[in-house]
């Protein structure tokens, strides 16, 4: 089920260790919204790009520090489990911008997509973002995300140069 382009929107939360929370300004940072785009690059591999930021500070969602992240990763997609759940692992990197300045991180993690329909899925994932001690603006942390994913029928968008779209039986566009 991970053989097509996907776009997702969701939320995220980061958790810093006790010592790092004093430095960052908070133990948890909430990210609303988080947007990602995934493109298949092989039978089991895909690349994913995401942007997370904390623009909403209302009610129970409040942040003491700014958090903006641009993430890129390569996913290895496992076979679907129980027909509708497609797990994956990933490695990649991020540029995290906090109140201080931008910091690169090395990321590893795992996630999965539970496909509610053939075109809509729920996507939880968990990152570990490692920041080198030499960077003074960010500390290593864990980030969990939860999103809604929409499958896009863009597999043939770059094949043959024919961009006259027609409606497919699944509701998307074929090219």
Foldseek 3Di string as FASTA:
>chain_A
DPQFKKKKKWKKKKADDPVQCVLQVHRMAIWPIKIKIWGADDDFKIKMWMWTWRPDDDDPHHDPKTKIKIWIWMWGWDDADPVFKIKIKIWTKMWIQMRPGTFIWTKIWMWIWGDPDPFKTKIKMKIWTCTDPVDSNHHTIMMIIIIMMGGAQCPCVPPPPDPPWDADPVGHTHD
